[in-house]
Amino acid sequence: MLNILFDVLLAAVVFFTAMAVWSRDLLKSVIFLSVSSVCTATVFFLLNAPDIAITKAAVEAGLTTAVFIVAIQKTSRFEKKRKEGRK
C-alpha cells in the first residue's frame, strides 16, 4: 500500500510541475508549484525524513509561494495590458 501511495505522489509531483511550466497564468503556475512542493514534502516524510519534509513544506510551499504571489500582485498582468491595448 505504501508503494502505491509513493508512486501516486511522485506522479503528482511530475504532473503539477509540468502544469506549472506549461500554464500561461502566473498565479496558476505558482499554485501548481506549491502543490508539487507539498507532494514532495510528503514523499520526504514517507522516506522517514520528517525534518526535511517540514522545512520543505514551510519554506517552499509556504514562504516562497507567498513571496511569488506578492510579486505577481505588484506587477501588472499581461491580460490587463492586452485588454487595454484593444480599447
N, C-alpha and C. Protein backbone atom coordinates (compact mmCIF):
# COMPACT_ATOMS: atom_id res chain seq x y z
N MET A 1 0.82 -1.20 0.00
CA MET A 1 0.00 0.00 0.00
C MET A 1 0.86 1.26 0.00
N LEU A 2 1.98 1.20 0.73
CA LEU A 2 2.87 2.35 0.79
C LEU A 2 3.52 2.62 -0.57
N ASN A 3 3.83 1.55 -1.31
CA ASN A 3 4.43 1.73 -2.63
C ASN A 3 3.47 2.41 -3.60
N ILE A 4 2.19 2.08 -3.50
CA ILE A 4 1.20 2.72 -4.37
C ILE A 4 1.08 4.20 -4.05
N LEU A 5 1.04 4.54 -2.76
CA LEU A 5 0.98 5.94 -2.35
C LEU A 5 2.22 6.70 -2.80
N PHE A 6 3.37 6.07 -2.66
CA PHE A 6 4.62 6.67 -3.10
C PHE A 6 4.61 6.94 -4.60
N ASP A 7 4.15 5.98 -5.38
CA ASP A 7 4.08 6.15 -6.83
C ASP A 7 3.09 7.24 -7.23
N VAL A 8 1.96 7.29 -6.55
CA VAL A 8 0.96 8.33 -6.84
C VAL A 8 1.51 9.71 -6.52
N LEU A 9 2.21 9.84 -5.40
CA LEU A 9 2.79 11.14 -5.04
C LEU A 9 3.87 11.57 -6.02
N LEU A 10 4.70 10.64 -6.45
CA LEU A 10 5.73 11.00 -7.43
C LEU A 10 5.11 11.39 -8.78
N ALA A 11 4.04 10.70 -9.18
CA ALA A 11 3.34 11.07 -10.41
C ALA A 11 2.70 12.45 -10.26
N ALA A 12 2.18 12.75 -9.07
CA ALA A 12 1.58 14.06 -8.83
C ALA A 12 2.64 15.16 -8.88
N VAL A 13 3.83 14.88 -8.36
CA VAL A 13 4.92 15.86 -8.43
C VAL A 13 5.26 16.17 -9.88
N VAL A 14 5.40 15.14 -10.70
CA VAL A 14 5.72 15.35 -12.11
C VAL A 14 4.59 16.09 -12.82
N PHE A 15 3.35 15.70 -12.55
CA PHE A 15 2.20 16.33 -13.21
C PHE A 15 2.09 17.82 -12.85
N PHE A 16 2.13 18.13 -11.55
CA PHE A 16 1.95 19.52 -11.15
C PHE A 16 3.14 20.39 -11.54
N THR A 17 4.33 19.83 -11.58
CA THR A 17 5.48 20.60 -12.05
C THR A 17 5.35 20.90 -13.53
N ALA A 18 4.90 19.93 -14.32
CA ALA A 18 4.67 20.17 -15.75
C ALA A 18 3.57 21.20 -15.96
N MET A 19 2.52 21.13 -15.16
CA MET A 19 1.44 22.11 -15.29
C MET A 19 1.93 23.51 -14.91
N ALA A 20 2.84 23.61 -13.96
CA ALA A 20 3.40 24.91 -13.59
C ALA A 20 4.21 25.50 -14.72
N VAL A 21 4.92 24.64 -15.43
CA VAL A 21 5.74 25.12 -16.55
C VAL A 21 4.87 25.51 -17.74
N TRP A 22 3.84 24.74 -18.03
CA TRP A 22 3.03 24.96 -19.23
C TRP A 22 1.88 25.95 -19.04
N SER A 23 1.57 26.31 -17.81
CA SER A 23 0.47 27.24 -17.57
C SER A 23 0.86 28.64 -18.02
N ARG A 24 -0.06 29.32 -18.66
CA ARG A 24 0.20 30.68 -19.13
C ARG A 24 -0.10 31.74 -18.06
N ASP A 25 -0.88 31.38 -17.07
CA ASP A 25 -1.21 32.31 -16.00
C ASP A 25 -0.19 32.12 -14.86
N LEU A 26 0.44 33.22 -14.44
CA LEU A 26 1.48 33.11 -13.43
C LEU A 26 0.93 32.67 -12.08
N LEU A 27 -0.25 33.12 -11.73
CA LEU A 27 -0.82 32.73 -10.45
C LEU A 27 -1.12 31.23 -10.41
N LYS A 28 -1.64 30.71 -11.50
CA LYS A 28 -1.87 29.26 -11.57
C LYS A 28 -0.56 28.50 -11.49
N SER A 29 0.48 29.02 -12.12
CA SER A 29 1.78 28.36 -12.06
C SER A 29 2.32 28.30 -10.64
N VAL A 30 2.13 29.36 -9.89
CA VAL A 30 2.59 29.38 -8.50
C VAL A 30 1.81 28.37 -7.67
N ILE A 31 0.51 28.27 -7.91
CA ILE A 31 -0.31 27.31 -7.18
C ILE A 31 0.09 25.88 -7.52
N PHE A 32 0.31 25.61 -8.80
CA PHE A 32 0.76 24.27 -9.20
C PHE A 32 2.12 23.93 -8.58
N LEU A 33 3.01 24.90 -8.55
CA LEU A 33 4.33 24.68 -7.96
C LEU A 33 4.22 24.43 -6.46
N SER A 34 3.31 25.11 -5.80
CA SER A 34 3.09 24.90 -4.37
C SER A 34 2.55 23.50 -4.09
N VAL A 35 1.60 23.05 -4.91
CA VAL A 35 1.06 21.69 -4.73
C VAL A 35 2.15 20.65 -4.98
N SER A 36 2.98 20.89 -5.97
CA SER A 36 4.10 19.99 -6.24
C SER A 36 5.06 19.94 -5.05
N SER A 37 5.29 21.07 -4.43
CA SER A 37 6.16 21.12 -3.27
C SER A 37 5.58 20.36 -2.08
N VAL A 38 4.27 20.48 -1.87
CA VAL A 38 3.63 19.74 -0.78
C VAL A 38 3.72 18.23 -1.04
N CYS A 39 3.53 17.83 -2.28
CA CYS A 39 3.67 16.40 -2.61
C CYS A 39 5.09 15.92 -2.38
N THR A 40 6.08 16.74 -2.72
CA THR A 40 7.47 16.37 -2.48
C THR A 40 7.77 16.28 -0.99
N ALA A 41 7.21 17.21 -0.22
CA ALA A 41 7.40 17.16 1.24
C ALA A 41 6.78 15.88 1.81
N THR A 42 5.64 15.47 1.28
CA THR A 42 5.02 14.23 1.73
C THR A 42 5.89 13.02 1.38
N VAL A 43 6.51 13.05 0.22
CA VAL A 43 7.42 11.97 -0.17
C VAL A 43 8.60 11.89 0.81
N PHE A 44 9.16 13.05 1.17
CA PHE A 44 10.25 13.05 2.15
C PHE A 44 9.79 12.50 3.49
N PHE A 45 8.56 12.84 3.88
CA PHE A 45 8.04 12.32 5.14
C PHE A 45 7.90 10.80 5.10
N LEU A 46 7.44 10.28 3.96
CA LEU A 46 7.31 8.82 3.82
C LEU A 46 8.67 8.13 3.79
N LEU A 47 9.71 8.85 3.41
CA LEU A 47 11.06 8.29 3.40
C LEU A 47 11.76 8.45 4.75
N ASN A 48 10.97 8.74 5.79
CA ASN A 48 11.48 8.90 7.16
C ASN A 48 12.49 10.04 7.29
N ALA A 49 12.19 11.16 6.64
CA ALA A 49 12.98 12.37 6.78
C ALA A 49 12.04 13.53 7.16
N PRO A 50 11.48 13.48 8.38
CA PRO A 50 10.48 14.49 8.73
C PRO A 50 11.06 15.90 8.86
N ASP A 51 12.33 16.03 9.24
CA ASP A 51 12.92 17.35 9.34
C ASP A 51 13.01 18.04 7.98
N ILE A 52 13.38 17.29 6.97
CA ILE A 52 13.43 17.85 5.61
C ILE A 52 12.03 18.14 5.10
N ALA A 53 11.09 17.27 5.41
CA ALA A 53 9.70 17.45 4.96
C ALA A 53 9.10 18.71 5.56
N ILE A 54 9.30 18.92 6.85
CA ILE A 54 8.75 20.12 7.49
C ILE A 54 9.40 21.38 6.96
N THR A 55 10.71 21.35 6.77
CA THR A 55 11.41 22.51 6.23
C THR A 55 10.96 22.82 4.81
N LYS A 56 10.83 21.78 3.99
CA LYS A 56 10.39 21.98 2.61
C LYS A 56 8.98 22.52 2.56
N ALA A 57 8.10 22.00 3.39
CA ALA A 57 6.72 22.47 3.40
C ALA A 57 6.64 23.92 3.88
N ALA A 58 7.40 24.25 4.91
CA ALA A 58 7.34 25.61 5.47
C ALA A 58 7.97 26.64 4.53
N VAL A 59 9.14 26.32 4.02
CA VAL A 59 9.86 27.30 3.22
C VAL A 59 9.34 27.36 1.79
N GLU A 60 9.32 26.23 1.12
CA GLU A 60 8.97 26.26 -0.30
C GLU A 60 7.47 26.38 -0.53
N ALA A 61 6.67 25.60 0.17
CA ALA A 61 5.23 25.66 -0.05
C ALA A 61 4.61 26.87 0.62
N GLY A 62 5.20 27.33 1.70
CA GLY A 62 4.62 28.46 2.43
C GLY A 62 5.23 29.79 2.06
N LEU A 63 6.47 29.98 2.43
CA LEU A 63 7.12 31.28 2.28
C LEU A 63 7.36 31.66 0.81
N THR A 64 7.89 30.74 0.04
CA THR A 64 8.17 31.05 -1.36
C THR A 64 6.90 31.32 -2.15
N THR A 65 5.85 30.57 -1.86
CA THR A 65 4.57 30.82 -2.53
C THR A 65 4.03 32.20 -2.18
N ALA A 66 4.14 32.58 -0.92
CA ALA A 66 3.68 33.91 -0.52
C ALA A 66 4.48 35.01 -1.20
N VAL A 67 5.79 34.84 -1.30
CA VAL A 67 6.63 35.84 -1.97
C VAL A 67 6.27 35.94 -3.45
N PHE A 68 6.07 34.81 -4.11
CA PHE A 68 5.69 34.82 -5.52
C PHE A 68 4.34 35.51 -5.74
N ILE A 69 3.38 35.23 -4.87
CA ILE A 69 2.05 35.83 -5.02
C ILE A 69 2.12 37.34 -4.82
N VAL A 70 2.88 37.80 -3.84
CA VAL A 70 3.04 39.25 -3.63
C VAL A 70 3.73 39.88 -4.83
N ALA A 71 4.74 39.23 -5.37
CA ALA A 71 5.45 39.77 -6.54
C ALA A 71 4.53 39.84 -7.76
N ILE A 72 3.67 38.85 -7.93
CA ILE A 72 2.74 38.87 -9.06
C ILE A 72 1.72 39.99 -8.88
N GLN A 73 1.26 40.22 -7.66
CA GLN A 73 0.30 41.29 -7.41
C GLN A 73 0.91 42.66 -7.63
N LYS A 74 2.20 42.81 -7.39
CA LYS A 74 2.86 44.11 -7.56
C LYS A 74 3.11 44.45 -9.03
N THR A 75 3.09 43.48 -9.89
CA THR A 75 3.31 43.74 -11.31
C THR A 75 1.97 43.80 -12.03
N SER A 76 1.99 44.40 -13.22
CA SER A 76 0.74 44.44 -13.99
C SER A 76 0.61 43.15 -14.77
N ARG A 77 -0.62 42.69 -14.86
CA ARG A 77 -0.88 41.41 -15.51
C ARG A 77 -0.86 41.56 -17.02
N PHE A 78 -0.40 40.53 -17.72
CA PHE A 78 -0.34 40.53 -19.17
C PHE A 78 -1.73 40.63 -19.78
N GLU A 79 -2.71 39.99 -19.15
CA GLU A 79 -4.07 40.01 -19.67
C GLU A 79 -4.64 41.42 -19.63
N LYS A 80 -4.33 42.18 -18.58
CA LYS A 80 -4.84 43.54 -18.47
C LYS A 80 -4.24 44.44 -19.55
N LYS A 81 -2.95 44.26 -19.83
CA LYS A 81 -2.30 45.06 -20.86
C LYS A 81 -2.90 44.76 -22.22
N ARG A 82 -3.20 43.51 -22.48
CA ARG A 82 -3.76 43.13 -23.77
C ARG A 82 -5.15 43.72 -23.95
N LYS A 83 -5.98 43.71 -22.91
CA LYS A 83 -7.32 44.27 -22.99
C LYS A 83 -7.27 45.78 -23.16
N GLU A 84 -6.34 46.45 -22.49
CA GLU A 84 -6.21 47.89 -22.63
C GLU A 84 -5.74 48.28 -24.01
N GLY A 85 -4.95 47.46 -24.63
CA GLY A 85 -4.45 47.74 -25.98
C GLY A 85 -5.52 47.67 -27.02
N ARG A 86 -6.56 46.88 -26.80
CA ARG A 86 -7.65 46.74 -27.77
C ARG A 86 -8.62 47.90 -27.71
N LYS A 87 -8.69 48.60 -26.60
CA LYS A 87 -9.67 49.68 -26.45
C LYS A 87 -9.27 50.92 -27.17
